Amino acid sequence: MESMYIHIPFCKNICSYCDFCKFVYHGPWIEKYLNALEKEIKSKYNGEVMKTVYIGGGTPSSLISK
């Protein structure tokens, strides 16, 4: 595996034109999602060198608290 895509499905606002799987930002869901994502990465990643990691989806920056 040389690259991976990490989908962050959370948005502060939902845009009607967006086709991504998305959910309105909800704090308790964030922690559950990130824990499940960490578990999946640990189970699938075998120490390969990654050339590219794509982070996309809803609004990945919604995870940054202000």
N, C-alpha and C. Protein backbone atom coordinates (compact mmCIF):
# COMPACT_ATOMS: atom_id res chain seq x y z
N MET A 1 0.85 -1.17 0.00
CA MET A 1 0.00 0.00 0.00
C MET A 1 0.90 1.24 0.00
N GLU A 2 0.76 2.07 -1.03
CA GLU A 2 1.57 3.27 -1.14
C GLU A 2 0.80 4.54 -0.79
N SER A 3 -0.51 4.44 -0.80
CA SER A 3 -1.30 5.63 -0.47
C SER A 3 -2.58 5.20 0.24
N MET A 4 -3.18 6.16 0.92
CA MET A 4 -4.45 5.88 1.59
C MET A 4 -5.31 7.12 1.57
N TYR A 5 -6.60 6.90 1.68
CA TYR A 5 -7.57 7.98 1.77
C TYR A 5 -8.26 7.87 3.12
N ILE A 6 -8.28 8.95 3.85
CA ILE A 6 -8.96 8.99 5.15
C ILE A 6 -10.14 9.94 5.00
N HIS A 7 -11.34 9.40 5.18
CA HIS A 7 -12.56 10.18 5.02
C HIS A 7 -12.99 10.74 6.37
N ILE A 8 -13.14 12.04 6.42
CA ILE A 8 -13.65 12.70 7.62
C ILE A 8 -15.06 13.21 7.29
N PRO A 9 -16.10 12.56 7.77
CA PRO A 9 -17.45 12.85 7.32
C PRO A 9 -18.18 13.98 8.05
N PHE A 10 -17.47 14.79 8.81
CA PHE A 10 -18.14 15.79 9.63
C PHE A 10 -18.04 17.20 9.04
N CYS A 11 -19.13 17.94 9.15
CA CYS A 11 -19.19 19.33 8.67
C CYS A 11 -19.92 20.17 9.72
N LYS A 12 -19.52 21.42 9.82
CA LYS A 12 -20.24 22.35 10.70
C LYS A 12 -21.59 22.70 10.08
N ASN A 13 -21.63 22.75 8.74
CA ASN A 13 -22.86 23.03 7.99
C ASN A 13 -22.94 22.02 6.85
N ILE A 14 -24.13 21.62 6.48
CA ILE A 14 -24.31 20.68 5.37
C ILE A 14 -24.69 21.46 4.11
N CYS A 15 -23.90 21.27 3.06
CA CYS A 15 -24.16 21.93 1.77
C CYS A 15 -24.99 20.99 0.90
N SER A 16 -25.98 21.50 0.26
CA SER A 16 -26.88 20.66 -0.54
C SER A 16 -26.20 20.09 -1.78
N TYR A 17 -25.14 20.72 -2.27
CA TYR A 17 -24.49 20.28 -3.50
C TYR A 17 -23.42 19.21 -3.28
N CYS A 18 -23.06 18.93 -2.07
CA CYS A 18 -21.97 18.00 -1.76
C CYS A 18 -22.46 16.56 -1.84
N ASP A 19 -21.69 15.72 -2.54
CA ASP A 19 -22.05 14.31 -2.69
C ASP A 19 -21.34 13.38 -1.70
N PHE A 20 -20.46 13.91 -0.87
CA PHE A 20 -19.76 13.07 0.10
C PHE A 20 -20.71 12.59 1.19
N CYS A 21 -20.37 11.44 1.76
CA CYS A 21 -21.06 10.98 2.96
C CYS A 21 -20.68 11.95 4.06
N LYS A 22 -21.68 12.55 4.71
CA LYS A 22 -21.38 13.57 5.70
C LYS A 22 -22.43 13.61 6.80
N PHE A 23 -22.01 14.14 7.94
CA PHE A 23 -22.87 14.30 9.11
C PHE A 23 -22.60 15.66 9.72
N VAL A 24 -23.61 16.26 10.32
CA VAL A 24 -23.40 17.50 11.05
C VAL A 24 -22.50 17.20 12.23
N TYR A 25 -21.55 18.08 12.46
CA TYR A 25 -20.60 17.95 13.57
C TYR A 25 -21.34 17.70 14.88
N HIS A 26 -20.95 16.62 15.55
CA HIS A 26 -21.54 16.26 16.85
C HIS A 26 -20.43 15.66 17.69
N GLY A 27 -19.98 16.40 18.69
CA GLY A 27 -18.83 16.03 19.50
C GLY A 27 -18.70 14.56 19.88
N PRO A 28 -19.72 13.94 20.47
CA PRO A 28 -19.60 12.54 20.88
C PRO A 28 -19.31 11.59 19.70
N TRP A 29 -19.80 11.92 18.52
CA TRP A 29 -19.55 11.06 17.35
C TRP A 29 -18.10 11.16 16.89
N ILE A 30 -17.50 12.33 17.08
CA ILE A 30 -16.12 12.56 16.64
C ILE A 30 -15.18 11.58 17.33
N GLU A 31 -15.27 11.50 18.64
CA GLU A 31 -14.38 10.62 19.40
C GLU A 31 -14.57 9.17 18.99
N LYS A 32 -15.82 8.73 18.85
CA LYS A 32 -16.09 7.35 18.42
C LYS A 32 -15.49 7.08 17.04
N TYR A 33 -15.71 8.02 16.13
CA TYR A 33 -15.21 7.86 14.76
C TYR A 33 -13.69 7.78 14.74
N LEU A 34 -13.03 8.71 15.45
CA LEU A 34 -11.57 8.71 15.45
C LEU A 34 -10.98 7.47 16.11
N ASN A 35 -11.63 6.97 17.16
CA ASN A 35 -11.18 5.72 17.79
C ASN A 35 -11.30 4.55 16.83
N ALA A 36 -12.42 4.48 16.10
CA ALA A 36 -12.61 3.40 15.12
C ALA A 36 -11.62 3.54 13.97
N LEU A 37 -11.34 4.77 13.54
CA LEU A 37 -10.37 5.01 12.47
C LEU A 37 -8.97 4.56 12.90
N GLU A 38 -8.59 4.90 14.13
CA GLU A 38 -7.29 4.49 14.65
C GLU A 38 -7.19 2.96 14.69
N LYS A 39 -8.23 2.31 15.15
CA LYS A 39 -8.24 0.84 15.22
C LYS A 39 -8.09 0.23 13.82
N GLU A 40 -8.82 0.79 12.86
CA GLU A 40 -8.73 0.26 11.49
C GLU A 40 -7.34 0.46 10.89
N ILE A 41 -6.76 1.64 11.09
CA ILE A 41 -5.41 1.90 10.56
C ILE A 41 -4.42 0.93 11.19
N LYS A 42 -4.49 0.75 12.49
CA LYS A 42 -3.56 -0.17 13.17
C LYS A 42 -3.72 -1.60 12.68
N SER A 43 -4.94 -2.00 12.32
CA SER A 43 -5.16 -3.37 11.87
C SER A 43 -4.74 -3.58 10.40
N LYS A 44 -4.75 -2.51 9.61
CA LYS A 44 -4.44 -2.64 8.17
C LYS A 44 -3.02 -2.23 7.80
N TYR A 45 -2.45 -1.30 8.53
CA TYR A 45 -1.13 -0.76 8.17
C TYR A 45 -0.03 -1.72 8.61
N ASN A 46 0.85 -2.04 7.69
CA ASN A 46 1.91 -3.01 7.96
C ASN A 46 3.30 -2.41 7.88
N GLY A 47 3.42 -1.12 8.16
CA GLY A 47 4.73 -0.48 8.17
C GLY A 47 5.25 -0.05 6.81
N GLU A 48 4.38 -0.07 5.79
CA GLU A 48 4.81 0.35 4.46
C GLU A 48 5.11 1.85 4.46
N VAL A 49 5.98 2.26 3.53
CA VAL A 49 6.24 3.68 3.35
C VAL A 49 5.10 4.25 2.52
N MET A 50 4.44 5.26 3.05
CA MET A 50 3.34 5.90 2.36
C MET A 50 3.88 7.02 1.48
N LYS A 51 3.48 7.02 0.22
CA LYS A 51 3.84 8.12 -0.67
C LYS A 51 2.83 9.26 -0.54
N THR A 52 1.58 8.89 -0.32
CA THR A 52 0.53 9.90 -0.25
C THR A 52 -0.55 9.50 0.75
N VAL A 53 -0.98 10.44 1.54
CA VAL A 53 -2.13 10.25 2.42
C VAL A 53 -3.11 11.37 2.08
N TYR A 54 -4.28 10.99 1.61
CA TYR A 54 -5.33 11.94 1.27
C TYR A 54 -6.29 12.02 2.45
N ILE A 55 -6.60 13.23 2.86
CA ILE A 55 -7.59 13.43 3.92
C ILE A 55 -8.68 14.31 3.33
N GLY A 56 -9.88 13.77 3.28
CA GLY A 56 -10.96 14.52 2.65
C GLY A 56 -12.30 14.14 3.23
N GLY A 57 -13.32 14.44 2.47
CA GLY A 57 -14.66 14.09 2.89
C GLY A 57 -15.51 15.30 3.12
N GLY A 58 -16.10 15.36 4.28
CA GLY A 58 -16.91 16.50 4.66
C GLY A 58 -16.03 17.73 4.78
N THR A 59 -15.69 18.08 6.00
CA THR A 59 -14.80 19.21 6.26
C THR A 59 -13.78 18.75 7.30
N PRO A 60 -12.64 18.20 6.86
CA PRO A 60 -11.65 17.69 7.81
C PRO A 60 -11.22 18.72 8.85
N SER A 61 -11.19 19.99 8.47
CA SER A 61 -10.79 21.03 9.43
C SER A 61 -11.81 21.20 10.54
N SER A 62 -13.00 20.60 10.41
CA SER A 62 -13.99 20.70 11.48
C SER A 62 -13.51 19.99 12.76
N LEU A 63 -12.49 19.14 12.63
CA LEU A 63 -11.97 18.43 13.80
C LEU A 63 -11.07 19.32 14.64
N ILE A 64 -10.66 20.44 14.10
CA ILE A 64 -9.79 21.37 14.83
C ILE A 64 -10.68 22.27 15.68
N SER A 65 -10.49 22.19 16.99
CA SER A 65 -11.31 23.03 17.86
C SER A 65 -10.73 24.44 17.90
N LYS A 66 -11.61 25.40 17.98
CA LYS A 66 -11.17 26.81 18.00
C LYS A 66 -11.52 27.43 19.31
